[in-house]
Amino acid sequence: MKINNQLMISEQNILIVGNRSYKNLGDELILLGTVKLLVEQGKNITIAAYDPQWLKVFFNQFIDTSKITFVTELPKWVRTRVRYLRQGKLKERKLYKKANAIIIGWGEIITEENKNSYRYRLLSILPCLKKPLYLMGGIQLPKKLFNRILFTHIMKKTKRIFARDMETIHELKAYWYNNAEFFMDTSYFAYDRKKAKKAAAAKTKPKKKYIIVNINKNAEHFFTDIIQDVKKYYKQGYEIMYVPVAKGNNAYYADEKYAQKIQVKAEIKDQRFHILDREKDFETFAKTLAWASIVISSRLHLFLIASFLGVPTKVYPYQKKILKMQNIITTFFNK
């Protein structure tokens, strides 16, 4: 199979919703790649995000955002609803209604591994429930009755699904939905990998060998194994770089707190332990990543970025989505 870069979406005005700007690099790169493809197709784009201004600043590293409309995502809980109203965001709903179609895109967008995902997907598009839907990402069929009801409702409104793994397509066909096609996780299109590789090659190879590591709350049960990996490379003379892939306030997005834990548990001296920032200068981050001896990660998209750059990886799969994407990487990049 070849990697397709044409999204089969006929409508012109596209609203993209999902968990955006929670400072999770994977989610932002998925969105960025999707936006780039839509811009190439001449679409008018509106993006719903938790923090639209932060997202716009982050995207300015990669694309011209002047013609993209950023709006605040719809609230999901009582406290966020109160804040939404106090900030006068209700008027933004008219921007939702201007869309001809909606892309619900994220990573594993509909799954019972995230117990609220079915309900959240519907809440995120309340002002435009009658507009055609496109789903993009990974989907797992629900087992719970209430989720099956919500899922069936979503599927009836869905015009097309761009699935990032073959298992999703097979399961959907068995369910009854046939209008699904494989489409590479759109983080693949987010940045120029050839440019990153070329820039890394032109840069003097670092004198010191280093590895890049990440862990998150979902994968805490792998912590001991990851420490053993880090110790092994540290004893071999490698420096250790820790990258906080997710930098949000929620416990599941607060990767930074594991940096010190890794340094202490692996008994790493300060001069051989570094934090690698990925937010303010993504180009430098990509160059640094490209020279790593290995990337050890529990975050799916650090694994994917490294794989796209051809860097050796070791991933700890805390969710099924990681196993599914390992199969895709093997199919397309490890032949």
C-alpha atoms as a PDB file:
ATOM      1  CA  MET A   1       0.000   0.000   0.000  1.00  0.00           C
ATOM      2  CA  LYS A   2       1.031   3.570  -0.642  1.00  0.00           C
ATOM      3  CA  ILE A   3       0.488   6.355   1.851  1.00  0.00           C
ATOM      4  CA  ASN A   4      -2.418   8.419   0.547  1.00  0.00           C
ATOM      5  CA  ASN A   5      -2.409  12.193   1.092  1.00  0.00           C
ATOM      6  CA  GLN A   6      -5.836  13.043  -0.325  1.00  0.00           C
ATOM      7  CA  LEU A   7      -8.705  13.334   2.131  1.00  0.00           C
ATOM      8  CA  MET A   8     -11.928  12.481   0.308  1.00  0.00           C
ATOM      9  CA  ILE A   9     -14.012  15.336   1.707  1.00  0.00           C
ATOM     10  CA  SER A  10     -16.275  17.189  -0.730  1.00  0.00           C
ATOM     11  CA  GLU A  11     -17.492  19.979   1.566  1.00  0.00           C
ATOM     12  CA  GLN A  12     -15.681  23.337   1.622  1.00  0.00           C
ATOM     13  CA  ASN A  13     -16.068  24.706   5.167  1.00  0.00           C
ATOM     14  CA  ILE A  14     -14.617  22.230   7.658  1.00  0.00           C
ATOM     15  CA  LEU A  15     -14.861  22.291  11.443  1.00  0.00           C
ATOM     16  CA  ILE A  16     -12.293  20.128  13.268  1.00  0.00           C
ATOM     17  CA  VAL A  17     -13.051  19.036  16.828  1.00  0.00           C
ATOM     18  CA  GLY A  18     -11.280  16.790  19.339  1.00  0.00           C
ATOM     19  CA  ASN A  19      -9.087  17.224  22.402  1.00  0.00           C
ATOM     20  CA  ARG A  20      -6.931  20.051  21.076  1.00  0.00           C
ATOM     21  CA  SER A  21      -4.385  22.284  22.846  1.00  0.00           C
ATOM     22  CA  TYR A  22      -4.216  20.235  26.017  1.00  0.00           C
ATOM     23  CA  LYS A  23      -0.456  20.342  25.306  1.00  0.00           C
ATOM     24  CA  ASN A  24      -0.167  16.766  24.118  1.00  0.00           C
ATOM     25  CA  LEU A  25       2.274  16.735  21.221  1.00  0.00           C
ATOM     26  CA  GLY A  26       0.628  13.753  19.557  1.00  0.00           C
ATOM     27  CA  ASP A  27      -2.802  15.346  19.416  1.00  0.00           C
ATOM     28  CA  GLU A  28      -1.400  18.623  18.089  1.00  0.00           C
ATOM     29  CA  LEU A  29       0.629  16.903  15.351  1.00  0.00           C
ATOM     30  CA  ILE A  30      -2.404  14.863  14.281  1.00  0.00           C
ATOM     31  CA  LEU A  31      -4.311  18.118  13.979  1.00  0.00           C
ATOM     32  CA  LEU A  32      -1.449  19.924  12.231  1.00  0.00           C
ATOM     33  CA  GLY A  33      -1.082  17.172   9.639  1.00  0.00           C
ATOM     34  CA  THR A  34      -4.831  17.218   8.982  1.00  0.00           C
ATOM     35  CA  VAL A  35      -4.841  20.997   8.596  1.00  0.00           C
ATOM     36  CA  LYS A  36      -1.945  20.885   6.129  1.00  0.00           C
ATOM     37  CA  LEU A  37      -3.771  18.368   3.940  1.00  0.00           C
ATOM     38  CA  LEU A  38      -6.986  20.408   4.018  1.00  0.00           C
ATOM     39  CA  VAL A  39      -5.131  23.634   3.181  1.00  0.00           C
ATOM     40  CA  GLU A  40      -3.621  21.921   0.142  1.00  0.00           C
ATOM     41  CA  GLN A  41      -7.169  21.055  -0.927  1.00  0.00           C
ATOM     42  CA  GLY A  42      -8.259  24.700  -0.577  1.00  0.00           C
ATOM     43  CA  LYS A  43     -10.633  24.144   2.360  1.00  0.00           C
ATOM     44  CA  ASN A  44     -11.795  26.791   4.811  1.00  0.00           C
ATOM     45  CA  ILE A  45     -10.879  25.556   8.275  1.00  0.00           C
ATOM     46  CA  THR A  46     -12.213  26.206  11.769  1.00  0.00           C
ATOM     47  CA  ILE A  47     -10.549  24.507  14.740  1.00  0.00           C
ATOM     48  CA  ALA A  48     -12.171  24.014  18.142  1.00  0.00           C
ATOM     49  CA  ALA A  49      -9.595  23.960  20.948  1.00  0.00           C
ATOM     50  CA  TYR A  50      -9.300  24.163  24.712  1.00  0.00           C
ATOM     51  CA  ASP A  51      -6.797  27.039  24.413  1.00  0.00           C
ATOM     52  CA  PRO A  52      -7.100  28.519  20.891  1.00  0.00           C
ATOM     53  CA  GLN A  53      -4.439  31.183  21.407  1.00  0.00           C
ATOM     54  CA  TRP A  54      -1.784  28.717  22.602  1.00  0.00           C
ATOM     55  CA  LEU A  55      -2.572  26.426  19.694  1.00  0.00           C
ATOM     56  CA  LYS A  56      -2.272  29.265  17.182  1.00  0.00           C
ATOM     57  CA  VAL A  57       1.140  30.273  18.568  1.00  0.00           C
ATOM     58  CA  PHE A  58       2.355  26.649  18.444  1.00  0.00           C
ATOM     59  CA  PHE A  59       1.136  26.225  14.853  1.00  0.00           C
ATOM     60  CA  ASN A  60       2.863  29.429  13.753  1.00  0.00           C
ATOM     61  CA  GLN A  61       6.113  27.426  13.819  1.00  0.00           C
ATOM     62  CA  PHE A  62       4.805  25.334  10.938  1.00  0.00           C
ATOM     63  CA  ILE A  63       2.106  27.124   8.908  1.00  0.00           C
ATOM     64  CA  ASP A  64       0.454  30.458   8.163  1.00  0.00           C
ATOM     65  CA  THR A  65      -2.498  30.538  10.555  1.00  0.00           C
ATOM     66  CA  SER A  66      -3.941  33.872   9.377  1.00  0.00           C
ATOM     67  CA  LYS A  67      -6.707  32.203   7.342  1.00  0.00           C
ATOM     68  CA  ILE A  68      -7.589  29.579   9.953  1.00  0.00           C
ATOM     69  CA  THR A  69     -10.362  30.296  12.459  1.00  0.00           C
ATOM     70  CA  PHE A  70      -9.744  29.190  16.054  1.00  0.00           C
ATOM     71  CA  VAL A  71     -12.689  28.826  18.456  1.00  0.00           C
ATOM     72  CA  THR A  72     -13.064  27.586  22.012  1.00  0.00           C
ATOM     73  CA  GLU A  73     -14.196  23.983  22.331  1.00  0.00           C
ATOM     74  CA  LEU A  74     -17.627  23.356  23.814  1.00  0.00           C
ATOM     75  CA  PRO A  75     -17.656  22.622  27.567  1.00  0.00           C
ATOM     76  CA  LYS A  76     -18.007  19.031  28.772  1.00  0.00           C
ATOM     77  CA  TRP A  77     -18.595  19.569  32.509  1.00  0.00           C
ATOM     78  CA  VAL A  78     -20.352  22.053  34.800  1.00  0.00           C
ATOM     79  CA  ARG A  79     -17.226  24.034  35.754  1.00  0.00           C
ATOM     80  CA  THR A  80     -16.064  24.384  32.160  1.00  0.00           C
ATOM     81  CA  ARG A  81     -19.593  25.419  31.159  1.00  0.00           C
ATOM     82  CA  VAL A  82     -19.597  28.200  33.757  1.00  0.00           C
ATOM     83  CA  ARG A  83     -16.186  29.429  32.590  1.00  0.00           C
ATOM     84  CA  TYR A  84     -17.336  29.225  28.961  1.00  0.00           C
ATOM     85  CA  LEU A  85     -20.330  31.474  29.686  1.00  0.00           C
ATOM     86  CA  ARG A  86     -18.351  33.928  31.841  1.00  0.00           C
ATOM     87  CA  GLN A  87     -15.797  34.401  29.088  1.00  0.00           C
ATOM     88  CA  GLY A  88     -18.532  35.233  26.581  1.00  0.00           C
ATOM     89  CA  LYS A  89     -17.769  32.265  24.363  1.00  0.00           C
ATOM     90  CA  LEU A  90     -21.413  31.464  23.623  1.00  0.00           C
ATOM     91  CA  LYS A  91     -21.328  33.795  20.621  1.00  0.00           C
ATOM     92  CA  GLU A  92     -18.704  31.545  18.982  1.00  0.00           C
ATOM     93  CA  ARG A  93     -21.368  28.926  18.339  1.00  0.00           C
ATOM     94  CA  LYS A  94     -22.363  30.736  15.175  1.00  0.00           C
ATOM     95  CA  LEU A  95     -18.909  29.885  13.805  1.00  0.00           C
ATOM     96  CA  TYR A  96     -19.672  26.204  14.393  1.00  0.00           C
ATOM     97  CA  LYS A  97     -22.858  26.514  12.379  1.00  0.00           C
ATOM     98  CA  LYS A  98     -21.015  27.914   9.354  1.00  0.00           C
ATOM     99  CA  ALA A  99     -19.341  24.554   8.787  1.00  0.00           C
ATOM    100  CA  ASN A 100     -20.550  22.318   5.952  1.00  0.00           C
ATOM    101  CA  ALA A 101     -18.946  19.267   7.546  1.00  0.00           C
ATOM    102  CA  ILE A 102     -17.197  18.217  10.737  1.00  0.00           C
ATOM    103  CA  ILE A 103     -14.052  16.179  11.266  1.00  0.00           C
ATOM    104  CA  ILE A 104     -13.897  14.465  14.632  1.00  0.00           C
ATOM    105  CA  GLY A 105     -10.229  13.668  14.773  1.00  0.00           C
ATOM    106  CA  TRP A 106      -7.872  12.729  17.557  1.00  0.00           C
ATOM    107  CA  GLY A 107      -5.878   9.600  18.219  1.00  0.00           C
ATOM    108  CA  GLU A 108      -7.998   6.742  19.439  1.00  0.00           C
ATOM    109  CA  ILE A 109     -11.104   8.911  19.098  1.00  0.00           C
ATOM    110  CA  ILE A 110     -13.777   6.439  20.151  1.00  0.00           C
ATOM    111  CA  THR A 111     -12.806   3.792  22.678  1.00  0.00           C
ATOM    112  CA  GLU A 112     -13.936   2.457  26.038  1.00  0.00           C
ATOM    113  CA  GLU A 113     -10.337   2.806  27.221  1.00  0.00           C
ATOM    114  CA  ASN A 114     -11.477   6.423  27.588  1.00  0.00           C
ATOM    115  CA  LYS A 115     -14.821   5.944  29.334  1.00  0.00           C
ATOM    116  CA  ASN A 116     -16.252   9.310  28.242  1.00  0.00           C
ATOM    117  CA  SER A 117     -15.175   9.318  24.612  1.00  0.00           C
ATOM    118  CA  TYR A 118     -18.565   8.419  23.100  1.00  0.00           C
ATOM    119  CA  ARG A 119     -20.392  11.099  25.055  1.00  0.00           C
ATOM    120  CA  TYR A 120     -17.649  13.696  24.528  1.00  0.00           C
ATOM    121  CA  ARG A 121     -17.704  13.254  20.761  1.00  0.00           C
ATOM    122  CA  LEU A 122     -21.406  14.161  20.637  1.00  0.00           C
ATOM    123  CA  LEU A 123     -21.089  17.047  23.107  1.00  0.00           C
ATOM    124  CA  SER A 124     -18.306  18.556  21.001  1.00  0.00           C
ATOM    125  CA  ILE A 125     -20.606  19.083  17.991  1.00  0.00           C
ATOM    126  CA  LEU A 126     -23.930  20.066  19.607  1.00  0.00           C
ATOM    127  CA  PRO A 127     -24.536  23.239  17.500  1.00  0.00           C
ATOM    128  CA  CYS A 128     -24.143  21.314  14.243  1.00  0.00           C
ATOM    129  CA  LEU A 129     -25.457  17.813  14.873  1.00  0.00           C
ATOM    130  CA  LYS A 130     -27.167  17.712  11.475  1.00  0.00           C
ATOM    131  CA  LYS A 131     -23.948  18.330   9.520  1.00  0.00           C
ATOM    132  CA  PRO A 132     -22.143  15.377   7.904  1.00  0.00           C
ATOM    133  CA  LEU A 133     -19.427  13.805  10.027  1.00  0.00           C
ATOM    134  CA  TYR A 134     -15.991  12.470   9.117  1.00  0.00           C
ATOM    135  CA  LEU A 135     -14.147  10.424  11.712  1.00  0.00           C
ATOM    136  CA  MET A 136     -10.365  10.258  11.685  1.00  0.00           C
ATOM    137  CA  GLY A 137      -8.170   8.056  13.839  1.00  0.00           C
ATOM    138  CA  GLY A 138      -8.659   4.764  15.662  1.00  0.00           C
ATOM    139  CA  ILE A 139     -12.026   3.355  16.702  1.00  0.00           C
ATOM    140  CA  GLN A 140     -12.856   0.473  19.018  1.00  0.00           C
ATOM    141  CA  LEU A 141     -16.329  -1.028  19.081  1.00  0.00           C
ATOM    142  CA  PRO A 142     -18.091  -0.535  22.432  1.00  0.00           C
ATOM    143  CA  LYS A 143     -19.294  -3.332  24.691  1.00  0.00           C
ATOM    144  CA  LYS A 144     -21.395  -1.352  27.172  1.00  0.00           C
ATOM    145  CA  LEU A 145     -25.046  -0.833  26.212  1.00  0.00           C
ATOM    146  CA  PHE A 146     -25.133   2.960  26.622  1.00  0.00           C
ATOM    147  CA  ASN A 147     -21.938   3.371  24.608  1.00  0.00           C
ATOM    148  CA  ARG A 148     -23.353   1.124  21.871  1.00  0.00           C
ATOM    149  CA  ILE A 149     -26.392   3.402  21.640  1.00  0.00           C
ATOM    150  CA  LEU A 150     -24.212   6.509  21.351  1.00  0.00           C
ATOM    151  CA  PHE A 151     -21.878   4.788  18.904  1.00  0.00           C
ATOM    152  CA  THR A 152     -24.734   3.759  16.618  1.00  0.00           C
ATOM    153  CA  HIS A 153     -26.005   7.348  16.678  1.00  0.00           C
ATOM    154  CA  ILE A 154     -22.576   8.656  15.691  1.00  0.00           C
ATOM    155  CA  MET A 155     -22.182   6.074  12.925  1.00  0.00           C
ATOM    156  CA  LYS A 156     -25.516   6.992  11.344  1.00  0.00           C
ATOM    157  CA  LYS A 157     -24.280  10.565  10.966  1.00  0.00           C
ATOM    158  CA  THR A 158     -20.844   9.590   9.672  1.00  0.00           C
ATOM    159  CA  LYS A 159     -20.186  10.035   5.968  1.00  0.00           C
ATOM    160  CA  ARG A 160     -16.698   8.548   5.898  1.00  0.00           C
ATOM    161  CA  ILE A 161     -14.051   7.223   8.255  1.00  0.00           C
ATOM    162  CA  PHE A 162     -10.312   7.694   7.785  1.00  0.00           C
ATOM    163  CA  ALA A 163      -8.940   4.907   9.982  1.00  0.00           C
ATOM    164  CA  ARG A 164      -5.268   4.869  10.939  1.00  0.00           C
ATOM    165  CA  ASP A 165      -5.130   1.079  11.324  1.00  0.00           C
ATOM    166  CA  MET A 166      -6.543  -1.925   9.486  1.00  0.00           C
ATOM    167  CA  GLU A 167      -8.102  -3.468  12.589  1.00  0.00           C
ATOM    168  CA  THR A 168     -10.498  -0.532  12.846  1.00  0.00           C
ATOM    169  CA  ILE A 169     -11.633  -1.077   9.257  1.00  0.00           C
ATOM    170  CA  HIS A 170     -12.224  -4.811   9.751  1.00  0.00           C
ATOM    171  CA  GLU A 171     -14.169  -4.254  12.971  1.00  0.00           C
ATOM    172  CA  LEU A 172     -16.334  -1.566  11.398  1.00  0.00           C
ATOM    173  CA  LYS A 173     -17.181  -3.796   8.458  1.00  0.00           C
ATOM    174  CA  ALA A 174     -18.164  -6.576  10.827  1.00  0.00           C
ATOM    175  CA  TYR A 175     -20.296  -4.063  12.703  1.00  0.00           C
ATOM    176  CA  TRP A 176     -22.068  -2.975   9.428  1.00  0.00           C
ATOM    177  CA  TYR A 177     -20.200   0.214   8.467  1.00  0.00           C
ATOM    178  CA  ASN A 178     -18.398  -0.098   5.123  1.00  0.00           C
ATOM    179  CA  ASN A 179     -17.354   3.439   4.198  1.00  0.00           C
ATOM    180  CA  ALA A 180     -13.999   3.336   5.987  1.00  0.00           C
ATOM    181  CA  GLU A 181     -10.542   3.541   4.444  1.00  0.00           C
ATOM    182  CA  PHE A 182      -7.005   3.332   5.751  1.00  0.00           C
ATOM    183  CA  PHE A 183      -5.339   6.714   6.167  1.00  0.00           C
ATOM    184  CA  MET A 184      -1.960   7.118   7.856  1.00  0.00           C
ATOM    185  CA  ASP A 185      -2.009   8.854  11.246  1.00  0.00           C
ATOM    186  CA  THR A 186      -1.862  12.445  10.059  1.00  0.00           C
ATOM    187  CA  SER A 187       1.089  13.318  12.295  1.00  0.00           C
ATOM    188  CA  TYR A 188       2.984  11.784   9.359  1.00  0.00           C
ATOM    189  CA  PHE A 189       2.162  14.920   7.321  1.00  0.00           C
ATOM    190  CA  ALA A 190       2.717  17.461  10.102  1.00  0.00           C
ATOM    191  CA  TYR A 191       6.361  18.341   9.439  1.00  0.00           C
ATOM    192  CA  ASP A 192       8.964  17.862   6.729  1.00  0.00           C
ATOM    193  CA  ARG A 193      10.806  14.691   7.735  1.00  0.00           C
ATOM    194  CA  LYS A 194      13.222  14.901   4.813  1.00  0.00           C
ATOM    195  CA  LYS A 195      14.174  18.408   5.930  1.00  0.00           C
ATOM    196  CA  ALA A 196      14.626  17.228   9.514  1.00  0.00           C
ATOM    197  CA  LYS A 197      16.838  14.328   8.430  1.00  0.00           C
ATOM    198  CA  LYS A 198      18.849  16.578   6.118  1.00  0.00           C
ATOM    199  CA  ALA A 199      19.306  19.202   8.835  1.00  0.00           C
ATOM    200  CA  ALA A 200      20.431  16.544  11.291  1.00  0.00           C
ATOM    201  CA  ALA A 201      22.881  15.104   8.768  1.00  0.00           C
ATOM    202  CA  ALA A 202      24.311  18.570   8.047  1.00  0.00           C
ATOM    203  CA  LYS A 203      24.743  19.213  11.749  1.00  0.00           C
ATOM    204  CA  THR A 204      27.914  17.909  13.354  1.00  0.00           C
ATOM    205  CA  LYS A 205      27.207  14.574  14.954  1.00  0.00           C
ATOM    206  CA  PRO A 206      27.028  15.002  18.739  1.00  0.00           C
ATOM    207  CA  LYS A 207      30.224  13.935  20.479  1.00  0.00           C
ATOM    208  CA  LYS A 208      28.275  12.285  23.257  1.00  0.00           C
ATOM    209  CA  LYS A 209      25.815   9.476  22.701  1.00  0.00           C
ATOM    210  CA  TYR A 210      22.356   9.945  24.170  1.00  0.00           C
ATOM    211  CA  ILE A 211      18.980   8.282  24.430  1.00  0.00           C
ATOM    212  CA  ILE A 212      15.557   9.958  24.639  1.00  0.00           C
ATOM    213  CA  VAL A 213      12.995   8.768  27.169  1.00  0.00           C
ATOM    214  CA  ASN A 214       9.368   9.443  28.066  1.00  0.00           C
ATOM    215  CA  ILE A 215       6.808   7.945  30.412  1.00  0.00           C
ATOM    216  CA  ASN A 216       3.270   9.008  31.327  1.00  0.00           C
ATOM    217  CA  LYS A 217       0.741   8.176  34.036  1.00  0.00           C
ATOM    218  CA  ASN A 218      -1.043   5.561  31.918  1.00  0.00           C
ATOM    219  CA  ALA A 219       2.181   3.581  31.720  1.00  0.00           C
ATOM    220  CA  GLU A 220       3.321   3.799  35.343  1.00  0.00           C
ATOM    221  CA  HIS A 221       3.206   0.007  35.634  1.00  0.00           C
ATOM    222  CA  PHE A 222       6.145  -0.061  33.174  1.00  0.00           C
ATOM    223  CA  PHE A 223       8.204   2.331  35.304  1.00  0.00           C
ATOM    224  CA  THR A 224      10.528  -0.334  36.740  1.00  0.00           C
ATOM    225  CA  ASP A 225      11.215  -1.749  33.266  1.00  0.00           C
ATOM    226  CA  ILE A 226      11.949   1.696  31.846  1.00  0.00           C
ATOM    227  CA  ILE A 227      14.328   2.442  34.722  1.00  0.00           C
ATOM    228  CA  GLN A 228      16.213  -0.768  33.938  1.00  0.00           C
ATOM    229  CA  ASP A 229      16.507   0.314  30.282  1.00  0.00           C
ATOM    230  CA  VAL A 230      17.775   3.741  31.265  1.00  0.00           C
ATOM    231  CA  LYS A 231      20.314   2.289  33.730  1.00  0.00           C
ATOM    232  CA  LYS A 232      21.661  -0.034  31.054  1.00  0.00           C
ATOM    233  CA  TYR A 233      22.357   2.782  28.608  1.00  0.00           C
ATOM    234  CA  TYR A 234      23.626   5.116  31.343  1.00  0.00           C
ATOM    235  CA  LYS A 235      26.216   2.531  32.439  1.00  0.00           C
ATOM    236  CA  GLN A 236      27.331   2.282  28.810  1.00  0.00           C
ATOM    237  CA  GLY A 237      28.182   6.001  28.831  1.00  0.00           C
ATOM    238  CA  TYR A 238      25.038   7.441  27.268  1.00  0.00           C
ATOM    239  CA  GLU A 239      23.505  10.732  28.319  1.00  0.00           C
ATOM    240  CA  ILE A 240      19.795  10.679  29.115  1.00  0.00           C
ATOM    241  CA  MET A 241      17.315  13.153  27.632  1.00  0.00           C
ATOM    242  CA  TYR A 242      13.792  13.201  28.988  1.00  0.00           C
ATOM    243  CA  VAL A 243      11.076  14.736  26.797  1.00  0.00           C
ATOM    244  CA  PRO A 244       7.731  15.753  28.327  1.00  0.00           C
ATOM    245  CA  VAL A 245       5.537  14.906  25.334  1.00  0.00           C
ATOM    246  CA  ALA A 246       2.406  16.073  27.175  1.00  0.00           C
ATOM    247  CA  LYS A 247       2.631  19.232  29.275  1.00  0.00           C
ATOM    248  CA  GLY A 248      -0.919  19.827  30.468  1.00  0.00           C
ATOM    249  CA  ASN A 249      -2.347  20.265  33.952  1.00  0.00           C
ATOM    250  CA  ASN A 250      -4.318  17.032  34.055  1.00  0.00           C
ATOM    251  CA  ALA A 251      -2.450  14.156  35.728  1.00  0.00           C
ATOM    252  CA  TYR A 252      -2.557  12.158  32.492  1.00  0.00           C
ATOM    253  CA  TYR A 253      -0.916  15.023  30.597  1.00  0.00           C
ATOM    254  CA  ALA A 254       1.693  15.981  33.213  1.00  0.00           C
ATOM    255  CA  ASP A 255       4.731  14.106  31.893  1.00  0.00           C
ATOM    256  CA  GLU A 256       7.252  16.515  33.418  1.00  0.00           C
ATOM    257  CA  LYS A 257       6.877  15.081  36.924  1.00  0.00           C
ATOM    258  CA  TYR A 258       8.496  11.814  35.812  1.00  0.00           C
ATOM    259  CA  ALA A 259      11.772  13.481  34.824  1.00  0.00           C
ATOM    260  CA  GLN A 260      13.105  13.756  38.369  1.00  0.00           C
ATOM    261  CA  LYS A 261      11.751  10.310  39.274  1.00  0.00           C
ATOM    262  CA  ILE A 262      13.728   8.741  36.432  1.00  0.00           C
ATOM    263  CA  GLN A 263      16.879  10.661  37.311  1.00  0.00           C
ATOM    264  CA  VAL A 264      16.679   9.650  40.984  1.00  0.00           C
ATOM    265  CA  LYS A 265      15.731   6.006  40.452  1.00  0.00           C
ATOM    266  CA  ALA A 266      18.343   5.482  37.731  1.00  0.00           C
ATOM    267  CA  GLU A 267      20.964   7.368  39.818  1.00  0.00           C
ATOM    268  CA  ILE A 268      21.918   9.696  36.965  1.00  0.00           C
ATOM    269  CA  LYS A 269      24.308  12.590  37.581  1.00  0.00           C
ATOM    270  CA  ASP A 270      22.996  16.062  36.689  1.00  0.00           C
ATOM    271  CA  GLN A 271      25.478  16.706  33.889  1.00  0.00           C
ATOM    272  CA  ARG A 272      24.296  13.589  32.068  1.00  0.00           C
ATOM    273  CA  PHE A 273      20.571  14.236  32.418  1.00  0.00           C
ATOM    274  CA  HIS A 274      18.731  16.830  30.322  1.00  0.00           C
ATOM    275  CA  ILE A 275      15.179  17.944  29.605  1.00  0.00           C
ATOM    276  CA  LEU A 276      14.429  18.131  25.875  1.00  0.00           C
ATOM    277  CA  ASP A 277      11.731  20.688  25.121  1.00  0.00           C
ATOM    278  CA  ARG A 278       9.465  19.960  22.149  1.00  0.00           C
ATOM    279  CA  GLU A 279       7.098  22.941  22.346  1.00  0.00           C
ATOM    280  CA  LYS A 280       8.920  26.198  21.615  1.00  0.00           C
ATOM    281  CA  ASP A 281      11.260  25.029  18.850  1.00  0.00           C
ATOM    282  CA  PHE A 282      10.023  21.888  17.169  1.00  0.00           C
ATOM    283  CA  GLU A 283      12.684  22.023  14.447  1.00  0.00           C
ATOM    284  CA  THR A 284      15.487  21.754  17.011  1.00  0.00           C
ATOM    285  CA  PHE A 285      13.558  19.015  18.788  1.00  0.00           C
ATOM    286  CA  ALA A 286      13.273  17.007  15.542  1.00  0.00           C
ATOM    287  CA  LYS A 287      16.994  17.418  14.796  1.00  0.00           C
ATOM    288  CA  THR A 288      17.907  16.260  18.300  1.00  0.00           C
ATOM    289  CA  LEU A 289      15.526  13.331  18.015  1.00  0.00           C
ATOM    290  CA  ALA A 290      17.061  12.301  14.704  1.00  0.00           C
ATOM    291  CA  TRP A 291      20.516  11.848  16.316  1.00  0.00           C
ATOM    292  CA  ALA A 292      19.277   9.781  19.280  1.00  0.00           C
ATOM    293  CA  SER A 293      20.687   6.279  19.622  1.00  0.00           C
ATOM    294  CA  ILE A 294      17.289   5.002  20.712  1.00  0.00           C
ATOM    295  CA  VAL A 295      13.927   6.387  21.839  1.00  0.00           C
ATOM    296  CA  ILE A 296      12.254   4.656  24.795  1.00  0.00           C
ATOM    297  CA  SER A 297       8.668   5.769  25.144  1.00  0.00           C
ATOM    298  CA  SER A 298       5.221   5.060  26.479  1.00  0.00           C
ATOM    299  CA  ARG A 299       3.711   7.892  24.414  1.00  0.00           C
ATOM    300  CA  LEU A 300       2.473   6.730  21.030  1.00  0.00           C
ATOM    301  CA  HIS A 301       3.472   9.818  19.079  1.00  0.00           C
ATOM    302  CA  LEU A 302       7.029  10.026  20.361  1.00  0.00           C
ATOM    303  CA  PHE A 303       7.332   6.482  19.058  1.00  0.00           C
ATOM    304  CA  LEU A 304       5.711   7.505  15.751  1.00  0.00           C
ATOM    305  CA  ILE A 305       7.846  10.632  15.250  1.00  0.00           C
ATOM    306  CA  ALA A 306      11.010   8.647  15.928  1.00  0.00           C
ATOM    307  CA  SER A 307       9.855   5.879  13.580  1.00  0.00           C
ATOM    308  CA  PHE A 308       9.061   8.376  10.804  1.00  0.00           C
ATOM    309  CA  LEU A 309      12.617   9.738  11.209  1.00  0.00           C
ATOM    310  CA  GLY A 310      14.131   6.251  11.159  1.00  0.00           C
ATOM    311  CA  VAL A 311      15.316   6.324  14.777  1.00  0.00           C
ATOM    312  CA  PRO A 312      15.418   2.976  16.680  1.00  0.00           C
ATOM    313  CA  THR A 313      12.601   2.742  19.208  1.00  0.00           C
ATOM    314  CA  LYS A 314      11.426   0.743  22.162  1.00  0.00           C
ATOM    315  CA  VAL A 315       7.818   1.362  23.108  1.00  0.00           C
ATOM    316  CA  TYR A 316       5.818   0.291  26.154  1.00  0.00           C
ATOM    317  CA  PRO A 317       2.199  -0.247  25.028  1.00  0.00           C
ATOM    318  CA  TYR A 318      -0.124   0.922  27.773  1.00  0.00           C
ATOM    319  CA  GLN A 319      -3.085   0.920  25.363  1.00  0.00           C
ATOM    320  CA  LYS A 320      -4.173  -1.150  22.395  1.00  0.00           C
ATOM    321  CA  LYS A 321      -3.644   1.796  20.037  1.00  0.00           C
ATOM    322  CA  ILE A 322       0.138   1.459  20.406  1.00  0.00           C
ATOM    323  CA  LEU A 323       0.103  -2.185  19.357  1.00  0.00           C
ATOM    324  CA  LYS A 324      -2.071  -1.344  16.354  1.00  0.00           C
ATOM    325  CA  MET A 325       0.277   1.435  15.248  1.00  0.00           C
ATOM    326  CA  GLN A 326       3.322  -0.794  15.708  1.00  0.00           C
ATOM    327  CA  ASN A 327       1.794  -3.057  13.073  1.00  0.00           C
ATOM    328  CA  ILE A 328       1.326  -0.092  10.723  1.00  0.00           C
ATOM    329  CA  ILE A 329       4.929   1.051  11.204  1.00  0.00           C
ATOM    330  CA  THR A 330       6.144  -2.480  10.470  1.00  0.00           C
ATOM    331  CA  THR A 331       4.037  -2.560   7.292  1.00  0.00           C
ATOM    332  CA  PHE A 332       5.213   0.760   5.895  1.00  0.00           C
ATOM    333  CA  PHE A 333       8.660   1.479   7.322  1.00  0.00           C
ATOM    334  CA  ASN A 334      10.354  -1.761   8.370  1.00  0.00           C
ATOM    335  CA  LYS A 335      10.154  -3.782   5.166  1.00  0.00           C
END
